[in-house]
Amino acid sequence: MTLGSEVSDDTLKLCANLFSSNYGIWGDQAAIISKFTVAGKNVKMTGARLRSQCLSHPESSVLLTCYIQVDPLESERPQLYGHAFATVWDYGENKVGWVTQLVVDAAVRQCYIATHLLQTLKCHVLFSCINI
């Protein structure tokens, strides 16, 4: 788990690639949004957009990641297979917790990766007193 202020640009690029490959598909009205959005194509994300949308308050945000070493003979480094961005804020006398993005690679879904990421989130000091 990484505090938002410590998330590197390289990590954000990996998260953006995972999102772009495994998240959403543009619907029929995609062309109305932008000339770059095409119906039936994957929704694309960039590291810069992730930083602005998911880490806009870096001291109250975290990134959780799940790396898996599938075949050490094929790659020197484990691959990113899941991530979750989350943030907290005060609301009156309450503390709100919000998962801003949760993505798991389609190849490893239903393996409890999302569950593990969210369970790990509950252990972080920022999220220990969430009541909303």
C-alpha atoms as a PDB file:
ATOM      1  CA  MET A   1       0.000   0.000   0.000  1.00  0.00           C
ATOM      2  CA  THR A   2       1.402   3.374  -1.012  1.00  0.00           C
ATOM      3  CA  LEU A   3       0.398   6.792   0.274  1.00  0.00           C
ATOM      4  CA  GLY A   4      -0.789   9.000  -2.583  1.00  0.00           C
ATOM      5  CA  SER A   5       2.111  11.418  -2.240  1.00  0.00           C
ATOM      6  CA  GLU A   6       4.583   8.555  -2.750  1.00  0.00           C
ATOM      7  CA  VAL A   7       3.060   7.000  -5.891  1.00  0.00           C
ATOM      8  CA  SER A   8       5.551   7.174  -8.759  1.00  0.00           C
ATOM      9  CA  ASP A   9       4.784   8.122 -12.340  1.00  0.00           C
ATOM     10  CA  ASP A  10       5.954   4.652 -13.435  1.00  0.00           C
ATOM     11  CA  THR A  11       3.441   2.976 -11.126  1.00  0.00           C
ATOM     12  CA  LEU A  12       0.668   5.256 -12.382  1.00  0.00           C
ATOM     13  CA  LYS A  13       1.551   4.318 -15.953  1.00  0.00           C
ATOM     14  CA  LEU A  14       1.212   0.616 -15.068  1.00  0.00           C
ATOM     15  CA  CYS A  15      -2.151   1.297 -13.402  1.00  0.00           C
ATOM     16  CA  ALA A  16      -3.326   3.311 -16.411  1.00  0.00           C
ATOM     17  CA  ASN A  17      -2.387   0.451 -18.747  1.00  0.00           C
ATOM     18  CA  LEU A  18      -4.238  -2.068 -16.565  1.00  0.00           C
ATOM     19  CA  PHE A  19      -7.312   0.176 -16.537  1.00  0.00           C
ATOM     20  CA  SER A  20      -7.157   0.760 -20.302  1.00  0.00           C
ATOM     21  CA  SER A  21      -6.968  -2.980 -20.994  1.00  0.00           C
ATOM     22  CA  ASN A  22      -9.513  -4.228 -18.462  1.00  0.00           C
ATOM     23  CA  TYR A  23     -12.058  -1.636 -17.505  1.00  0.00           C
ATOM     24  CA  GLY A  24     -14.806  -0.257 -19.700  1.00  0.00           C
ATOM     25  CA  ILE A  25     -15.974  -0.162 -23.292  1.00  0.00           C
ATOM     26  CA  TRP A  26     -17.337   3.026 -24.858  1.00  0.00           C
ATOM     27  CA  GLY A  27     -21.067   2.899 -25.602  1.00  0.00           C
ATOM     28  CA  ASP A  28     -23.016   3.998 -28.665  1.00  0.00           C
ATOM     29  CA  GLN A  29     -22.853   7.703 -27.737  1.00  0.00           C
ATOM     30  CA  ALA A  30     -19.026   7.770 -27.491  1.00  0.00           C
ATOM     31  CA  ALA A  31     -18.578  10.132 -30.451  1.00  0.00           C
ATOM     32  CA  ILE A  32     -20.554  12.842 -28.621  1.00  0.00           C
ATOM     33  CA  ILE A  33     -17.896  12.978 -25.868  1.00  0.00           C
ATOM     34  CA  SER A  34     -14.841  13.409 -28.069  1.00  0.00           C
ATOM     35  CA  LYS A  35     -13.480  12.630 -31.498  1.00  0.00           C
ATOM     36  CA  PHE A  36     -11.047  10.288 -29.709  1.00  0.00           C
ATOM     37  CA  THR A  37     -13.746   8.125 -28.092  1.00  0.00           C
ATOM     38  CA  VAL A  38     -15.031   5.328 -30.320  1.00  0.00           C
ATOM     39  CA  ALA A  39     -18.014   3.095 -29.593  1.00  0.00           C
ATOM     40  CA  GLY A  40     -16.940  -0.453 -28.802  1.00  0.00           C
ATOM     41  CA  LYS A  41     -13.336   0.509 -27.977  1.00  0.00           C
ATOM     42  CA  ASN A  42     -11.716   0.363 -24.535  1.00  0.00           C
ATOM     43  CA  VAL A  43     -11.883   3.419 -22.310  1.00  0.00           C
ATOM     44  CA  LYS A  44      -8.307   4.727 -22.152  1.00  0.00           C
ATOM     45  CA  MET A  45      -6.544   6.177 -19.129  1.00  0.00           C
ATOM     46  CA  THR A  46      -3.230   7.963 -18.635  1.00  0.00           C
ATOM     47  CA  GLY A  47      -1.008   8.215 -15.598  1.00  0.00           C
ATOM     48  CA  ALA A  48      -1.518  11.974 -15.466  1.00  0.00           C
ATOM     49  CA  ARG A  49      -5.296  11.584 -15.500  1.00  0.00           C
ATOM     50  CA  LEU A  50      -5.101   8.957 -12.746  1.00  0.00           C
ATOM     51  CA  ARG A  51      -3.019  11.320 -10.617  1.00  0.00           C
ATOM     52  CA  SER A  52      -5.512  14.166 -11.077  1.00  0.00           C
ATOM     53  CA  GLN A  53      -8.654  12.054 -10.613  1.00  0.00           C
ATOM     54  CA  CYS A  54      -7.612   9.471  -8.026  1.00  0.00           C
ATOM     55  CA  LEU A  55      -4.825  11.226  -6.124  1.00  0.00           C
ATOM     56  CA  SER A  56      -6.009  14.841  -6.125  1.00  0.00           C
ATOM     57  CA  HIS A  57      -5.556  14.890  -2.328  1.00  0.00           C
ATOM     58  CA  PRO A  58      -2.404  12.770  -2.054  1.00  0.00           C
ATOM     59  CA  GLU A  59      -2.019  12.956   1.739  1.00  0.00           C
ATOM     60  CA  SER A  60      -5.481  11.442   2.234  1.00  0.00           C
ATOM     61  CA  SER A  61      -5.316   8.900  -0.612  1.00  0.00           C
ATOM     62  CA  VAL A  62      -3.682   5.510  -1.066  1.00  0.00           C
ATOM     63  CA  LEU A  63      -2.921   3.079  -3.860  1.00  0.00           C
ATOM     64  CA  LEU A  64      -3.052  -0.657  -3.261  1.00  0.00           C
ATOM     65  CA  THR A  65      -1.508  -2.969  -5.842  1.00  0.00           C
ATOM     66  CA  CYS A  66      -1.389  -6.683  -6.557  1.00  0.00           C
ATOM     67  CA  TYR A  67       1.612  -7.971  -8.469  1.00  0.00           C
ATOM     68  CA  ILE A  68       1.875 -11.612  -9.535  1.00  0.00           C
ATOM     69  CA  GLN A  69       4.940 -13.446 -10.829  1.00  0.00           C
ATOM     70  CA  VAL A  70       3.261 -15.805 -13.299  1.00  0.00           C
ATOM     71  CA  ASP A  71       6.327 -17.311 -14.958  1.00  0.00           C
ATOM     72  CA  PRO A  72       9.762 -16.178 -13.750  1.00  0.00           C
ATOM     73  CA  LEU A  73      11.301 -17.523 -16.962  1.00  0.00           C
ATOM     74  CA  GLU A  74       9.200 -15.161 -19.112  1.00  0.00           C
ATOM     75  CA  SER A  75       9.690 -11.958 -17.140  1.00  0.00           C
ATOM     76  CA  GLU A  76      12.147 -10.580 -14.619  1.00  0.00           C
ATOM     77  CA  ARG A  77       9.465  -8.589 -12.811  1.00  0.00           C
ATOM     78  CA  PRO A  78       6.046  -9.502 -11.485  1.00  0.00           C
ATOM     79  CA  GLN A  79       3.115  -8.056 -13.444  1.00  0.00           C
ATOM     80  CA  LEU A  80       0.440  -5.749 -12.097  1.00  0.00           C
ATOM     81  CA  TYR A  81      -2.851  -7.667 -11.969  1.00  0.00           C
ATOM     82  CA  GLY A  82      -4.939  -5.419  -9.749  1.00  0.00           C
ATOM     83  CA  HIS A  83      -5.082  -2.034  -8.104  1.00  0.00           C
ATOM     84  CA  ALA A  84      -7.347   0.116  -5.973  1.00  0.00           C
ATOM     85  CA  PHE A  85      -7.241   3.847  -5.335  1.00  0.00           C
ATOM     86  CA  ALA A  86      -9.034   5.108  -2.246  1.00  0.00           C
ATOM     87  CA  THR A  87      -9.371   8.372  -0.364  1.00  0.00           C
ATOM     88  CA  VAL A  88     -10.789   9.679   2.912  1.00  0.00           C
ATOM     89  CA  TRP A  89     -12.186  13.009   4.061  1.00  0.00           C
ATOM     90  CA  ASP A  90     -13.916  14.510   7.057  1.00  0.00           C
ATOM     91  CA  TYR A  91     -17.636  15.236   6.894  1.00  0.00           C
ATOM     92  CA  GLY A  92     -18.735  17.021  10.037  1.00  0.00           C
ATOM     93  CA  GLU A  93     -17.831  14.647  12.842  1.00  0.00           C
ATOM     94  CA  ASN A  94     -17.687  11.673  10.489  1.00  0.00           C
ATOM     95  CA  LYS A  95     -14.963  10.205   8.298  1.00  0.00           C
ATOM     96  CA  VAL A  96     -15.860   9.158   4.755  1.00  0.00           C
ATOM     97  CA  GLY A  97     -13.947   6.443   2.880  1.00  0.00           C
ATOM     98  CA  TRP A  98     -14.252   6.130  -0.891  1.00  0.00           C
ATOM     99  CA  VAL A  99     -12.765   3.670  -3.357  1.00  0.00           C
ATOM    100  CA  THR A 100     -12.167   5.835  -6.393  1.00  0.00           C
ATOM    101  CA  GLN A 101     -11.026   3.040  -8.708  1.00  0.00           C
ATOM    102  CA  LEU A 102     -10.747  -0.735  -8.478  1.00  0.00           C
ATOM    103  CA  VAL A 103      -9.440  -2.768 -11.419  1.00  0.00           C
ATOM    104  CA  VAL A 104      -8.501  -6.446 -11.716  1.00  0.00           C
ATOM    105  CA  ASP A 105      -7.089  -8.005 -14.872  1.00  0.00           C
ATOM    106  CA  ALA A 106      -9.788 -10.064 -16.607  1.00  0.00           C
ATOM    107  CA  ALA A 107      -7.416 -13.066 -16.740  1.00  0.00           C
ATOM    108  CA  VAL A 108      -7.390 -13.400 -12.932  1.00  0.00           C
ATOM    109  CA  ARG A 109     -10.871 -12.326 -11.903  1.00  0.00           C
ATOM    110  CA  GLN A 110     -12.763 -14.423  -9.364  1.00  0.00           C
ATOM    111  CA  CYS A 111      -9.484 -15.149  -7.563  1.00  0.00           C
ATOM    112  CA  TYR A 112     -10.309 -12.794  -4.663  1.00  0.00           C
ATOM    113  CA  ILE A 113      -7.789 -10.149  -5.709  1.00  0.00           C
ATOM    114  CA  ALA A 114     -10.341  -7.327  -5.326  1.00  0.00           C
ATOM    115  CA  THR A 115     -11.415  -8.768  -1.974  1.00  0.00           C
ATOM    116  CA  HIS A 116      -7.811  -8.872  -0.786  1.00  0.00           C
ATOM    117  CA  LEU A 117      -7.153  -5.298  -1.902  1.00  0.00           C
ATOM    118  CA  LEU A 118     -10.219  -4.025  -0.038  1.00  0.00           C
ATOM    119  CA  GLN A 119      -9.453  -6.058   3.095  1.00  0.00           C
ATOM    120  CA  THR A 120      -5.915  -4.635   3.091  1.00  0.00           C
ATOM    121  CA  LEU A 121      -7.315  -1.122   2.753  1.00  0.00           C
ATOM    122  CA  LYS A 122      -9.209  -1.522   6.026  1.00  0.00           C
ATOM    123  CA  CYS A 123      -5.879  -2.009   7.849  1.00  0.00           C
ATOM    124  CA  HIS A 124      -4.396   1.361   6.859  1.00  0.00           C
ATOM    125  CA  VAL A 125      -4.448   4.049   9.550  1.00  0.00           C
ATOM    126  CA  LEU A 126      -6.243   6.469   7.220  1.00  0.00           C
ATOM    127  CA  PHE A 127      -9.186   4.069   6.948  1.00  0.00           C
ATOM    128  CA  SER A 128      -9.305   2.745  10.498  1.00  0.00           C
ATOM    129  CA  CYS A 129     -12.022   5.177  11.683  1.00  0.00           C
ATOM    130  CA  ILE A 130     -14.269   5.240   8.607  1.00  0.00           C
ATOM    131  CA  ASN A 131     -17.932   5.498   9.595  1.00  0.00           C
ATOM    132  CA  ILE A 132     -19.520   6.637   6.308  1.00  0.00           C
END
